[in-house]
Amino acid sequence: MAEKDKPEKAGAKRTRTGVRPPKPPKAPKVKQGGNGAPAERPAEKRIERKPAAPVEQPSKARSKMERLRTYLKAVRAEVAPITWPTKQELRAATIVVIATLVVVTLYLYAVDQIMARVFQQIPR
């Protein structure tokens, strides 16, 4: 089917390079009151909100042991959902890191040796 024979989308205009999509519809105009300010909206439904539960503030009288216990409970709750890598995954990742380290080290050594020889050739 040739380019000319393809059906065009409704509202689309043809251009040199192809079919341009139709323009998006314009936003509706805001009705204005007598002084140029937006007209008042009809009354909206009010949503009743319940006051938030009060947050327990740490008191200065709490013992250090109680605060430490609370902290350790929070740490345990944070660490519990973590999925730790298996031995095989850990070994594979370690090998990748060490191999990358060796490659980057050799590259930097080679660049250093080349630059040293280049700078030795420059007369003082």
PDB file of N, CA and C in Angstrom:
ATOM      1  N   MET A   1       0.839  -1.162   0.000  1.00  0.00           N
ATOM      2  CA  MET A   1       0.000   0.000   0.000  1.00  0.00           C
ATOM      3  C   MET A   1       0.895   1.240   0.000  1.00  0.00           C
ATOM      4  N   ALA A   2       0.713   2.134  -0.917  1.00  0.00           N
ATOM      5  CA  ALA A   2       1.551   3.321  -1.027  1.00  0.00           C
ATOM      6  C   ALA A   2       1.189   4.320   0.051  1.00  0.00           C
ATOM      7  N   GLU A   3       2.118   5.262   0.293  1.00  0.00           N
ATOM      8  CA  GLU A   3       1.920   6.300   1.318  1.00  0.00           C
ATOM      9  C   GLU A   3       0.646   7.096   1.043  1.00  0.00           C
ATOM     10  N   LYS A   4       0.381   7.373  -0.219  1.00  0.00           N
ATOM     11  CA  LYS A   4      -0.795   8.182  -0.584  1.00  0.00           C
ATOM     12  C   LYS A   4      -2.093   7.445  -0.292  1.00  0.00           C
ATOM     13  N   ASP A   5      -2.044   6.093  -0.391  1.00  0.00           N
ATOM     14  CA  ASP A   5      -3.253   5.301  -0.263  1.00  0.00           C
ATOM     15  C   ASP A   5      -3.662   5.042   1.180  1.00  0.00           C
ATOM     16  N   LYS A   6      -2.787   5.362   2.143  1.00  0.00           N
ATOM     17  CA  LYS A   6      -3.089   5.082   3.543  1.00  0.00           C
ATOM     18  C   LYS A   6      -4.210   6.007   4.018  1.00  0.00           C
ATOM     19  N   PRO A   7      -5.156   5.456   4.765  1.00  0.00           N
ATOM     20  CA  PRO A   7      -6.232   6.317   5.274  1.00  0.00           C
ATOM     21  C   PRO A   7      -5.696   7.242   6.358  1.00  0.00           C
ATOM     22  N   GLU A   8      -6.174   8.484   6.366  1.00  0.00           N
ATOM     23  CA  GLU A   8      -5.732   9.460   7.357  1.00  0.00           C
ATOM     24  C   GLU A   8      -6.681   9.452   8.544  1.00  0.00           C
ATOM     25  N   LYS A   9      -6.176   9.858   9.693  1.00  0.00           N
ATOM     26  CA  LYS A   9      -7.000   9.948  10.892  1.00  0.00           C
ATOM     27  C   LYS A   9      -7.886  11.171  10.786  1.00  0.00           C
ATOM     28  N   ALA A  10      -9.055  11.097  11.407  1.00  0.00           N
ATOM     29  CA  ALA A  10      -9.987  12.220  11.371  1.00  0.00           C
ATOM     30  C   ALA A  10      -9.376  13.424  12.069  1.00  0.00           C
ATOM     31  N   GLY A  11      -9.432  14.576  11.456  1.00  0.00           N
ATOM     32  CA  GLY A  11      -8.921  15.806  12.050  1.00  0.00           C
ATOM     33  C   GLY A  11      -7.441  16.017  11.843  1.00  0.00           C
ATOM     34  N   ALA A  12      -6.743  15.064  11.238  1.00  0.00           N
ATOM     35  CA  ALA A  12      -5.308  15.199  11.029  1.00  0.00           C
ATOM     36  C   ALA A  12      -5.047  15.952   9.726  1.00  0.00           C
ATOM     37  N   LYS A  13      -3.966  16.683   9.662  1.00  0.00           N
ATOM     38  CA  LYS A  13      -3.597  17.430   8.470  1.00  0.00           C
ATOM     39  C   LYS A  13      -2.353  16.816   7.860  1.00  0.00           C
ATOM     40  N   ARG A  14      -2.286  16.863   6.545  1.00  0.00           N
ATOM     41  CA  ARG A  14      -1.095  16.341   5.866  1.00  0.00           C
ATOM     42  C   ARG A  14      -0.021  17.407   5.830  1.00  0.00           C
ATOM     43  N   THR A  15       1.210  16.998   6.027  1.00  0.00           N
ATOM     44  CA  THR A  15       2.358  17.886   5.896  1.00  0.00           C
ATOM     45  C   THR A  15       3.332  17.233   4.940  1.00  0.00           C
ATOM     46  N   ARG A  16       4.436  17.881   4.684  1.00  0.00           N
ATOM     47  CA  ARG A  16       5.435  17.292   3.781  1.00  0.00           C
ATOM     48  C   ARG A  16       5.970  15.966   4.315  1.00  0.00           C
ATOM     49  N   THR A  17       6.218  15.924   5.605  1.00  0.00           N
ATOM     50  CA  THR A  17       6.857  14.745   6.186  1.00  0.00           C
ATOM     51  C   THR A  17       5.865  13.673   6.607  1.00  0.00           C
ATOM     52  N   GLY A  18       4.589  13.955   6.595  1.00  0.00           N
ATOM     53  CA  GLY A  18       3.624  12.937   6.996  1.00  0.00           C
ATOM     54  C   GLY A  18       2.381  13.566   7.561  1.00  0.00           C
ATOM     55  N   VAL A  19       1.713  12.837   8.408  1.00  0.00           N
ATOM     56  CA  VAL A  19       0.463  13.301   8.993  1.00  0.00           C
ATOM     57  C   VAL A  19       0.737  13.904  10.359  1.00  0.00           C
ATOM     58  N   ARG A  20       0.254  15.121  10.580  1.00  0.00           N
ATOM     59  CA  ARG A  20       0.411  15.795  11.866  1.00  0.00           C
ATOM     60  C   ARG A  20      -0.821  15.487  12.701  1.00  0.00           C
ATOM     61  N   PRO A  21      -0.640  15.167  13.987  1.00  0.00           N
ATOM     62  CA  PRO A  21      -1.799  14.853  14.826  1.00  0.00           C
ATOM     63  C   PRO A  21      -2.650  16.104  15.042  1.00  0.00           C
ATOM     64  N   PRO A  22      -3.941  15.912  15.312  1.00  0.00           N
ATOM     65  CA  PRO A  22      -4.818  17.074  15.535  1.00  0.00           C
ATOM     66  C   PRO A  22      -4.425  17.828  16.798  1.00  0.00           C
ATOM     67  N   LYS A  23      -4.744  19.116  16.860  1.00  0.00           N
ATOM     68  CA  LYS A  23      -4.428  19.940  18.031  1.00  0.00           C
ATOM     69  C   LYS A  23      -5.335  19.529  19.184  1.00  0.00           C
ATOM     70  N   PRO A  24      -4.813  19.616  20.433  1.00  0.00           N
ATOM     71  CA  PRO A  24      -5.663  19.285  21.585  1.00  0.00           C
ATOM     72  C   PRO A  24      -6.744  20.351  21.753  1.00  0.00           C
ATOM     73  N   PRO A  25      -7.871  19.984  22.355  1.00  0.00           N
ATOM     74  CA  PRO A  25      -8.946  20.967  22.547  1.00  0.00           C
ATOM     75  C   PRO A  25      -8.517  22.068  23.512  1.00  0.00           C
ATOM     76  N   LYS A  26      -9.065  23.255  23.306  1.00  0.00           N
ATOM     77  CA  LYS A  26      -8.731  24.397  24.165  1.00  0.00           C
ATOM     78  C   LYS A  26      -9.450  24.266  25.501  1.00  0.00           C
ATOM     79  N   ALA A  27      -8.834  24.830  26.545  1.00  0.00           N
ATOM     80  CA  ALA A  27      -9.421  24.808  27.880  1.00  0.00           C
ATOM     81  C   ALA A  27     -10.634  25.729  27.900  1.00  0.00           C
ATOM     82  N   PRO A  28     -11.666  25.359  28.656  1.00  0.00           N
ATOM     83  CA  PRO A  28     -12.852  26.222  28.712  1.00  0.00           C
ATOM     84  C   PRO A  28     -12.523  27.545  29.399  1.00  0.00           C
ATOM     85  N   LYS A  29     -13.201  28.591  28.971  1.00  0.00           N
ATOM     86  CA  LYS A  29     -12.976  29.907  29.562  1.00  0.00           C
ATOM     87  C   LYS A  29     -13.632  29.964  30.936  1.00  0.00           C
ATOM     88  N   VAL A  30     -12.979  30.692  31.849  1.00  0.00           N
ATOM     89  CA  VAL A  30     -13.492  30.850  33.206  1.00  0.00           C
ATOM     90  C   VAL A  30     -14.456  32.026  33.207  1.00  0.00           C
ATOM     91  N   LYS A  31     -15.639  31.800  33.762  1.00  0.00           N
ATOM     92  CA  LYS A  31     -16.609  32.893  33.852  1.00  0.00           C
ATOM     93  C   LYS A  31     -16.125  33.882  34.897  1.00  0.00           C
ATOM     94  N   GLN A  32     -16.264  35.153  34.584  1.00  0.00           N
ATOM     95  CA  GLN A  32     -15.805  36.176  35.515  1.00  0.00           C
ATOM     96  C   GLN A  32     -16.982  36.969  36.055  1.00  0.00           C
ATOM     97  N   GLY A  33     -16.806  37.446  37.282  1.00  0.00           N
ATOM     98  CA  GLY A  33     -17.820  38.285  37.909  1.00  0.00           C
ATOM     99  C   GLY A  33     -17.725  39.708  37.375  1.00  0.00           C
ATOM    100  N   GLY A  34     -18.454  40.621  37.988  1.00  0.00           N
ATOM    101  CA  GLY A  34     -18.499  42.007  37.529  1.00  0.00           C
ATOM    102  C   GLY A  34     -17.179  42.744  37.669  1.00  0.00           C
ATOM    103  N   ASN A  35     -16.359  42.402  38.665  1.00  0.00           N
ATOM    104  CA  ASN A  35     -15.109  43.122  38.888  1.00  0.00           C
ATOM    105  C   ASN A  35     -13.909  42.428  38.234  1.00  0.00           C
ATOM    106  N   GLY A  36     -14.116  41.444  37.386  1.00  0.00           N
ATOM    107  CA  GLY A  36     -13.017  40.764  36.698  1.00  0.00           C
ATOM    108  C   GLY A  36     -12.508  39.553  37.443  1.00  0.00           C
ATOM    109  N   ALA A  37     -12.974  39.341  38.679  1.00  0.00           N
ATOM    110  CA  ALA A  37     -12.548  38.184  39.456  1.00  0.00           C
ATOM    111  C   ALA A  37     -13.344  36.961  38.995  1.00  0.00           C
ATOM    112  N   PRO A  38     -12.789  35.758  39.170  1.00  0.00           N
ATOM    113  CA  PRO A  38     -13.547  34.567  38.778  1.00  0.00           C
ATOM    114  C   PRO A  38     -14.870  34.493  39.526  1.00  0.00           C
ATOM    115  N   ALA A  39     -15.911  34.027  38.844  1.00  0.00           N
ATOM    116  CA  ALA A  39     -17.232  33.919  39.465  1.00  0.00           C
ATOM    117  C   ALA A  39     -17.175  32.888  40.583  1.00  0.00           C
ATOM    118  N   GLU A  40     -18.032  33.043  41.562  1.00  0.00           N
ATOM    119  CA  GLU A  40     -18.039  32.110  42.685  1.00  0.00           C
ATOM    120  C   GLU A  40     -18.518  30.738  42.232  1.00  0.00           C
ATOM    121  N   ARG A  41     -17.931  29.736  42.818  1.00  0.00           N
ATOM    122  CA  ARG A  41     -18.324  28.374  42.494  1.00  0.00           C
ATOM    123  C   ARG A  41     -19.510  27.977  43.355  1.00  0.00           C
ATOM    124  N   PRO A  42     -20.276  27.023  42.867  1.00  0.00           N
ATOM    125  CA  PRO A  42     -21.364  26.534  43.719  1.00  0.00           C
ATOM    126  C   PRO A  42     -20.780  25.858  44.954  1.00  0.00           C
ATOM    127  N   ALA A  43     -21.553  25.790  45.986  1.00  0.00           N
ATOM    128  CA  ALA A  43     -21.083  25.206  47.243  1.00  0.00           C
ATOM    129  C   ALA A  43     -20.606  23.778  47.011  1.00  0.00           C
ATOM    130  N   GLU A  44     -19.436  23.471  47.560  1.00  0.00           N
ATOM    131  CA  GLU A  44     -18.872  22.131  47.408  1.00  0.00           C
ATOM    132  C   GLU A  44     -19.148  21.322  48.670  1.00  0.00           C
ATOM    133  N   LYS A  45     -19.139  20.019  48.529  1.00  0.00           N
ATOM    134  CA  LYS A  45     -19.323  19.163  49.697  1.00  0.00           C
ATOM    135  C   LYS A  45     -18.091  19.284  50.578  1.00  0.00           C
ATOM    136  N   ARG A  46     -18.307  19.440  51.844  1.00  0.00           N
ATOM    137  CA  ARG A  46     -17.204  19.528  52.787  1.00  0.00           C
ATOM    138  C   ARG A  46     -16.926  18.145  53.330  1.00  0.00           C
ATOM    139  N   ILE A  47     -15.662  17.821  53.388  1.00  0.00           N
ATOM    140  CA  ILE A  47     -15.258  16.525  53.926  1.00  0.00           C
ATOM    141  C   ILE A  47     -14.799  16.745  55.351  1.00  0.00           C
ATOM    142  N   GLU A  48     -15.447  16.055  56.258  1.00  0.00           N
ATOM    143  CA  GLU A  48     -15.074  16.163  57.660  1.00  0.00           C
ATOM    144  C   GLU A  48     -13.816  15.328  57.890  1.00  0.00           C
ATOM    145  N   ARG A  49     -12.800  15.936  58.437  1.00  0.00           N
ATOM    146  CA  ARG A  49     -11.565  15.205  58.739  1.00  0.00           C
ATOM    147  C   ARG A  49     -11.459  14.999  60.232  1.00  0.00           C
ATOM    148  N   LYS A  50     -11.016  13.812  60.569  1.00  0.00           N
ATOM    149  CA  LYS A  50     -10.792  13.515  61.979  1.00  0.00           C
ATOM    150  C   LYS A  50      -9.411  14.041  62.346  1.00  0.00           C
ATOM    151  N   PRO A  51      -9.249  14.550  63.544  1.00  0.00           N
ATOM    152  CA  PRO A  51      -7.919  15.014  63.939  1.00  0.00           C
ATOM    153  C   PRO A  51      -6.956  13.832  64.018  1.00  0.00           C
ATOM    154  N   ALA A  52      -5.724  14.098  63.659  1.00  0.00           N
ATOM    155  CA  ALA A  52      -4.709  13.048  63.669  1.00  0.00           C
ATOM    156  C   ALA A  52      -4.446  12.594  65.094  1.00  0.00           C
ATOM    157  N   ALA A  53      -4.087  11.330  65.212  1.00  0.00           N
ATOM    158  CA  ALA A  53      -3.771  10.801  66.537  1.00  0.00           C
ATOM    159  C   ALA A  53      -2.513  11.497  67.049  1.00  0.00           C
ATOM    160  N   PRO A  54      -2.495  11.867  68.303  1.00  0.00           N
ATOM    161  CA  PRO A  54      -1.313  12.556  68.818  1.00  0.00           C
ATOM    162  C   PRO A  54      -0.084  11.649  68.774  1.00  0.00           C
ATOM    163  N   VAL A  55       1.022  12.236  68.365  1.00  0.00           N
ATOM    164  CA  VAL A  55       2.277  11.494  68.281  1.00  0.00           C
ATOM    165  C   VAL A  55       2.928  11.519  69.650  1.00  0.00           C
ATOM    166  N   GLU A  56       3.341  10.349  70.091  1.00  0.00           N
ATOM    167  CA  GLU A  56       3.952  10.264  71.411  1.00  0.00           C
ATOM    168  C   GLU A  56       5.330  10.914  71.367  1.00  0.00           C
ATOM    169  N   GLN A  57       5.507  11.940  72.142  1.00  0.00           N
ATOM    170  CA  GLN A  57       6.788  12.635  72.216  1.00  0.00           C
ATOM    171  C   GLN A  57       7.669  11.919  73.228  1.00  0.00           C
ATOM    172  N   PRO A  58       8.934  11.690  72.865  1.00  0.00           N
ATOM    173  CA  PRO A  58       9.808  11.017  73.835  1.00  0.00           C
ATOM    174  C   PRO A  58      10.030  11.916  75.046  1.00  0.00           C
ATOM    175  N   SER A  59       9.766  11.365  76.201  1.00  0.00           N
ATOM    176  CA  SER A  59       9.957  12.164  77.407  1.00  0.00           C
ATOM    177  C   SER A  59      11.403  12.065  77.854  1.00  0.00           C
ATOM    178  N   LYS A  60      11.856  13.098  78.507  1.00  0.00           N
ATOM    179  CA  LYS A  60      13.235  13.127  78.981  1.00  0.00           C
ATOM    180  C   LYS A  60      13.438  12.148  80.132  1.00  0.00           C
ATOM    181  N   ALA A  61      12.320  11.754  80.744  1.00  0.00           N
ATOM    182  CA  ALA A  61      12.416  10.889  81.900  1.00  0.00           C
ATOM    183  C   ALA A  61      12.666   9.425  81.517  1.00  0.00           C
ATOM    184  N   ARG A  62      12.452   9.079  80.230  1.00  0.00           N
ATOM    185  CA  ARG A  62      12.674   7.696  79.813  1.00  0.00           C
ATOM    186  C   ARG A  62      14.140   7.327  79.992  1.00  0.00           C
ATOM    187  N   SER A  63      14.351   6.125  80.402  1.00  0.00           N
ATOM    188  CA  SER A  63      15.726   5.703  80.647  1.00  0.00           C
ATOM    189  C   SER A  63      16.443   5.440  79.323  1.00  0.00           C
ATOM    190  N   LYS A  64      17.764   5.461  79.396  1.00  0.00           N
ATOM    191  CA  LYS A  64      18.564   5.196  78.201  1.00  0.00           C
ATOM    192  C   LYS A  64      18.341   3.776  77.713  1.00  0.00           C
ATOM    193  N   MET A  65      18.143   2.839  78.627  1.00  0.00           N
ATOM    194  CA  MET A  65      17.917   1.450  78.239  1.00  0.00           C
ATOM    195  C   MET A  65      16.607   1.306  77.458  1.00  0.00           C
ATOM    196  N   GLU A  66      15.586   2.023  77.887  1.00  0.00           N
ATOM    197  CA  GLU A  66      14.296   1.950  77.204  1.00  0.00           C
ATOM    198  C   GLU A  66      14.404   2.544  75.798  1.00  0.00           C
ATOM    199  N   ARG A  67      15.140   3.657  75.667  1.00  0.00           N
ATOM    200  CA  ARG A  67      15.338   4.260  74.344  1.00  0.00           C
ATOM    201  C   ARG A  67      16.170   3.351  73.453  1.00  0.00           C
ATOM    202  N   LEU A  68      17.188   2.691  74.022  1.00  0.00           N
ATOM    203  CA  LEU A  68      18.016   1.759  73.257  1.00  0.00           C
ATOM    204  C   LEU A  68      17.171   0.576  72.786  1.00  0.00           C
ATOM    205  N   ARG A  69      16.308   0.060  73.665  1.00  0.00           N
ATOM    206  CA  ARG A  69      15.437  -1.054  73.311  1.00  0.00           C
ATOM    207  C   ARG A  69      14.493  -0.657  72.170  1.00  0.00           C
ATOM    208  N   THR A  70      13.936   0.543  72.248  1.00  0.00           N
ATOM    209  CA  THR A  70      13.041   1.034  71.198  1.00  0.00           C
ATOM    210  C   THR A  70      13.793   1.162  69.873  1.00  0.00           C
ATOM    211  N   TYR A  71      15.003   1.683  69.930  1.00  0.00           N
ATOM    212  CA  TYR A  71      15.824   1.839  68.728  1.00  0.00           C
ATOM    213  C   TYR A  71      16.130   0.485  68.091  1.00  0.00           C
ATOM    214  N   LEU A  72      16.520  -0.486  68.903  1.00  0.00           N
ATOM    215  CA  LEU A  72      16.856  -1.807  68.380  1.00  0.00           C
ATOM    216  C   LEU A  72      15.636  -2.502  67.782  1.00  0.00           C
ATOM    217  N   LYS A  73      14.452  -2.282  68.354  1.00  0.00           N
ATOM    218  CA  LYS A  73      13.226  -2.835  67.769  1.00  0.00           C
ATOM    219  C   LYS A  73      12.970  -2.224  66.400  1.00  0.00           C
ATOM    220  N   ALA A  74      13.203  -0.917  66.274  1.00  0.00           N
ATOM    221  CA  ALA A  74      13.008  -0.248  64.985  1.00  0.00           C
ATOM    222  C   ALA A  74      14.011  -0.756  63.951  1.00  0.00           C
ATOM    223  N   VAL A  75      15.243  -0.985  64.390  1.00  0.00           N
ATOM    224  CA  VAL A  75      16.263  -1.525  63.478  1.00  0.00           C
ATOM    225  C   VAL A  75      15.859  -2.910  63.010  1.00  0.00           C
ATOM    226  N   ARG A  76      15.408  -3.745  63.914  1.00  0.00           N
ATOM    227  CA  ARG A  76      14.989  -5.105  63.542  1.00  0.00           C
ATOM    228  C   ARG A  76      13.823  -5.060  62.557  1.00  0.00           C
ATOM    229  N   ALA A  77      12.879  -4.134  62.758  1.00  0.00           N
ATOM    230  CA  ALA A  77      11.739  -4.008  61.850  1.00  0.00           C
ATOM    231  C   ALA A  77      12.196  -3.555  60.460  1.00  0.00           C
ATOM    232  N   GLU A  78      13.234  -2.729  60.381  1.00  0.00           N
ATOM    233  CA  GLU A  78      13.756  -2.269  59.088  1.00  0.00           C
ATOM    234  C   GLU A  78      14.526  -3.378  58.376  1.00  0.00           C
ATOM    235  N   VAL A  79      15.264  -4.192  59.118  1.00  0.00           N
ATOM    236  CA  VAL A  79      16.126  -5.212  58.523  1.00  0.00           C
ATOM    237  C   VAL A  79      15.333  -6.462  58.147  1.00  0.00           C
ATOM    238  N   ALA A  80      14.210  -6.717  58.778  1.00  0.00           N
ATOM    239  CA  ALA A  80      13.448  -7.946  58.565  1.00  0.00           C
ATOM    240  C   ALA A  80      13.058  -8.179  57.102  1.00  0.00           C
ATOM    241  N   PRO A  81      12.556  -7.189  56.350  1.00  0.00           N
ATOM    242  CA  PRO A  81      12.121  -7.482  54.978  1.00  0.00           C
ATOM    243  C   PRO A  81      13.254  -7.565  53.955  1.00  0.00           C
ATOM    244  N   ILE A  82      14.491  -7.375  54.359  1.00  0.00           N
ATOM    245  CA  ILE A  82      15.611  -7.399  53.413  1.00  0.00           C
ATOM    246  C   ILE A  82      15.850  -8.826  52.945  1.00  0.00           C
ATOM    247  N   THR A  83      16.043  -8.997  51.628  1.00  0.00           N
ATOM    248  CA  THR A  83      16.420 -10.311  51.108  1.00  0.00           C
ATOM    249  C   THR A  83      17.924 -10.293  50.894  1.00  0.00           C
ATOM    250  N   TRP A  84      18.623 -11.074  51.679  1.00  0.00           N
ATOM    251  CA  TRP A  84      20.072 -11.103  51.623  1.00  0.00           C
ATOM    252  C   TRP A  84      20.517 -12.002  50.486  1.00  0.00           C
ATOM    253  N   PRO A  85      21.673 -11.695  49.854  1.00  0.00           N
ATOM    254  CA  PRO A  85      22.136 -12.534  48.741  1.00  0.00           C
ATOM    255  C   PRO A  85      22.569 -13.910  49.233  1.00  0.00           C
ATOM    256  N   THR A  86      22.427 -14.875  48.328  1.00  0.00           N
ATOM    257  CA  THR A  86      22.885 -16.223  48.665  1.00  0.00           C
ATOM    258  C   THR A  86      24.411 -16.252  48.552  1.00  0.00           C
ATOM    259  N   LYS A  87      25.005 -17.375  48.978  1.00  0.00           N
ATOM    260  CA  LYS A  87      26.463 -17.507  48.905  1.00  0.00           C
ATOM    261  C   LYS A  87      26.939 -17.402  47.464  1.00  0.00           C
ATOM    262  N   GLN A  88      26.216 -18.045  46.559  1.00  0.00           N
ATOM    263  CA  GLN A  88      26.602 -18.027  45.149  1.00  0.00           C
ATOM    264  C   GLN A  88      26.523 -16.607  44.573  1.00  0.00           C
ATOM    265  N   GLU A  89      25.441 -15.881  44.889  1.00  0.00           N
ATOM    266  CA  GLU A  89      25.293 -14.503  44.389  1.00  0.00           C
ATOM    267  C   GLU A  89      26.398 -13.612  44.948  1.00  0.00           C
ATOM    268  N   LEU A  90      26.706 -13.789  46.222  1.00  0.00           N
ATOM    269  CA  LEU A  90      27.748 -12.989  46.856  1.00  0.00           C
ATOM    270  C   LEU A  90      29.110 -13.284  46.234  1.00  0.00           C
ATOM    271  N   ARG A  91      29.395 -14.551  45.983  1.00  0.00           N
ATOM    272  CA  ARG A  91      30.666 -14.940  45.369  1.00  0.00           C
ATOM    273  C   ARG A  91      30.768 -14.365  43.953  1.00  0.00           C
ATOM    274  N   ALA A  92      29.684 -14.457  43.185  1.00  0.00           N
ATOM    275  CA  ALA A  92      29.691 -13.942  41.812  1.00  0.00           C
ATOM    276  C   ALA A  92      29.903 -12.431  41.802  1.00  0.00           C
ATOM    277  N   ALA A  93      29.239 -11.718  42.687  1.00  0.00           N
ATOM    278  CA  ALA A  93      29.387 -10.264  42.749  1.00  0.00           C
ATOM    279  C   ALA A  93      30.805  -9.880  43.171  1.00  0.00           C
ATOM    280  N   THR A  94      31.382 -10.634  44.098  1.00  0.00           N
ATOM    281  CA  THR A  94      32.748 -10.363  44.547  1.00  0.00           C
ATOM    282  C   THR A  94      33.743 -10.571  43.410  1.00  0.00           C
ATOM    283  N   ILE A  95      33.543 -11.608  42.627  1.00  0.00           N
ATOM    284  CA  ILE A  95      34.423 -11.869  41.488  1.00  0.00           C
ATOM    285  C   ILE A  95      34.331 -10.736  40.469  1.00  0.00           C
ATOM    286  N   VAL A  96      33.120 -10.252  40.218  1.00  0.00           N
ATOM    287  CA  VAL A  96      32.942  -9.142  39.278  1.00  0.00           C
ATOM    288  C   VAL A  96      33.666  -7.900  39.783  1.00  0.00           C
ATOM    289  N   VAL A  97      33.563  -7.615  41.057  1.00  0.00           N
ATOM    290  CA  VAL A  97      34.224  -6.432  41.625  1.00  0.00           C
ATOM    291  C   VAL A  97      35.743  -6.568  41.519  1.00  0.00           C
ATOM    292  N   ILE A  98      36.272  -7.721  41.859  1.00  0.00           N
ATOM    293  CA  ILE A  98      37.731  -7.910  41.805  1.00  0.00           C
ATOM    294  C   ILE A  98      38.228  -7.851  40.365  1.00  0.00           C
ATOM    295  N   ALA A  99      37.496  -8.463  39.426  1.00  0.00           N
ATOM    296  CA  ALA A  99      37.896  -8.417  38.014  1.00  0.00           C
ATOM    297  C   ALA A  99      37.880  -6.979  37.495  1.00  0.00           C
ATOM    298  N   THR A 100      36.852  -6.231  37.842  1.00  0.00           N
ATOM    299  CA  THR A 100      36.776  -4.824  37.427  1.00  0.00           C
ATOM    300  C   THR A 100      37.936  -4.034  38.014  1.00  0.00           C
ATOM    301  N   LEU A 101      38.257  -4.278  39.260  1.00  0.00           N
ATOM    302  CA  LEU A 101      39.373  -3.612  39.920  1.00  0.00           C
ATOM    303  C   LEU A 101      40.692  -3.893  39.195  1.00  0.00           C
ATOM    304  N   VAL A 102      40.908  -5.145  38.809  1.00  0.00           N
ATOM    305  CA  VAL A 102      42.140  -5.511  38.098  1.00  0.00           C
ATOM    306  C   VAL A 102      42.205  -4.818  36.737  1.00  0.00           C
ATOM    307  N   VAL A 103      41.091  -4.821  36.002  1.00  0.00           N
ATOM    308  CA  VAL A 103      41.072  -4.200  34.667  1.00  0.00           C
ATOM    309  C   VAL A 103      41.339  -2.699  34.770  1.00  0.00           C
ATOM    310  N   VAL A 104      40.685  -2.015  35.688  1.00  0.00           N
ATOM    311  CA  VAL A 104      40.881  -0.570  35.843  1.00  0.00           C
ATOM    312  C   VAL A 104      42.309  -0.274  36.291  1.00  0.00           C
ATOM    313  N   THR A 105      42.851  -1.096  37.185  1.00  0.00           N
ATOM    314  CA  THR A 105      44.232  -0.902  37.644  1.00  0.00           C
ATOM    315  C   THR A 105      45.216  -1.037  36.489  1.00  0.00           C
ATOM    316  N   LEU A 106      45.055  -2.076  35.670  1.00  0.00           N
ATOM    317  CA  LEU A 106      45.947  -2.263  34.519  1.00  0.00           C
ATOM    318  C   LEU A 106      45.817  -1.111  33.517  1.00  0.00           C
ATOM    319  N   TYR A 107      44.613  -0.649  33.298  1.00  0.00           N
ATOM    320  CA  TYR A 107      44.389   0.469  32.375  1.00  0.00           C
ATOM    321  C   TYR A 107      45.092   1.731  32.882  1.00  0.00           C
ATOM    322  N   LEU A 108      44.912   2.054  34.149  1.00  0.00           N
ATOM    323  CA  LEU A 108      45.544   3.251  34.702  1.00  0.00           C
ATOM    324  C   LEU A 108      47.068   3.126  34.712  1.00  0.00           C
ATOM    325  N   TYR A 109      47.587   1.925  34.966  1.00  0.00           N
ATOM    326  CA  TYR A 109      49.033   1.700  34.919  1.00  0.00           C
ATOM    327  C   TYR A 109      49.561   1.948  33.499  1.00  0.00           C
ATOM    328  N   ALA A 110      48.850   1.433  32.496  1.00  0.00           N
ATOM    329  CA  ALA A 110      49.269   1.615  31.104  1.00  0.00           C
ATOM    330  C   ALA A 110      49.243   3.094  30.723  1.00  0.00           C
ATOM    331  N   VAL A 111      48.188   3.787  31.082  1.00  0.00           N
ATOM    332  CA  VAL A 111      48.093   5.224  30.778  1.00  0.00           C
ATOM    333  C   VAL A 111      49.219   5.979  31.481  1.00  0.00           C
ATOM    334  N   ASP A 112      49.511   5.630  32.716  1.00  0.00           N
ATOM    335  CA  ASP A 112      50.583   6.293  33.465  1.00  0.00           C
ATOM    336  C   ASP A 112      51.936   6.072  32.782  1.00  0.00           C
ATOM    337  N   GLN A 113      52.209   4.836  32.351  1.00  0.00           N
ATOM    338  CA  GLN A 113      53.487   4.541  31.686  1.00  0.00           C
ATOM    339  C   GLN A 113      53.611   5.295  30.361  1.00  0.00           C
ATOM    340  N   ILE A 114      52.523   5.333  29.594  1.00  0.00           N
ATOM    341  CA  ILE A 114      52.541   6.061  28.307  1.00  0.00           C
ATOM    342  C   ILE A 114      52.780   7.541  28.541  1.00  0.00           C
ATOM    343  N   MET A 115      52.079   8.116  29.497  1.00  0.00           N
ATOM    344  CA  MET A 115      52.232   9.555  29.766  1.00  0.00           C
ATOM    345  C   MET A 115      53.639   9.861  30.284  1.00  0.00           C
ATOM    346  N   ALA A 116      54.195   8.975  31.098  1.00  0.00           N
ATOM    347  CA  ALA A 116      55.549   9.195  31.612  1.00  0.00           C
ATOM    348  C   ALA A 116      56.550   9.228  30.461  1.00  0.00           C
ATOM    349  N   ARG A 117      56.422   8.307  29.506  1.00  0.00           N
ATOM    350  CA  ARG A 117      57.351   8.292  28.352  1.00  0.00           C
ATOM    351  C   ARG A 117      57.154   9.517  27.474  1.00  0.00           C
ATOM    352  N   VAL A 118      55.907   9.943  27.296  1.00  0.00           N
ATOM    353  CA  VAL A 118      55.638  11.133  26.479  1.00  0.00           C
ATOM    354  C   VAL A 118      56.305  12.368  27.127  1.00  0.00           C
ATOM    355  N   PHE A 119      56.151  12.510  28.410  1.00  0.00           N
ATOM    356  CA  PHE A 119      56.694  13.682  29.089  1.00  0.00           C
ATOM    357  C   PHE A 119      58.211  13.608  29.182  1.00  0.00           C
ATOM    358  N   GLN A 120      58.809  12.418  29.164  1.00  0.00           N
ATOM    359  CA  GLN A 120      60.272  12.304  29.176  1.00  0.00           C
ATOM    360  C   GLN A 120      60.837  12.773  27.831  1.00  0.00           C
ATOM    361  N   GLN A 121      60.083  12.659  26.768  1.00  0.00           N
ATOM    362  CA  GLN A 121      60.546  13.041  25.434  1.00  0.00           C
ATOM    363  C   GLN A 121      60.520  14.560  25.247  1.00  0.00           C
ATOM    364  N   ILE A 122      59.784  15.275  26.068  1.00  0.00           N
ATOM    365  CA  ILE A 122      59.712  16.730  25.942  1.00  0.00           C
ATOM    366  C   ILE A 122      61.008  17.329  26.470  1.00  0.00           C
ATOM    367  N   PRO A 123      61.715  18.127  25.635  1.00  0.00           N
ATOM    368  CA  PRO A 123      62.975  18.734  26.125  1.00  0.00           C
ATOM    369  C   PRO A 123      62.701  19.805  27.165  1.00  0.00           C
ATOM    370  N   ARG A 124      63.624  19.919  28.083  1.00  0.00           N
ATOM    371  CA  ARG A 124      63.441  20.924  29.132  1.00  0.00           C
ATOM    372  C   ARG A 124      64.005  22.226  28.711  1.00  0.00           C
TER     373      ARG A 124
END
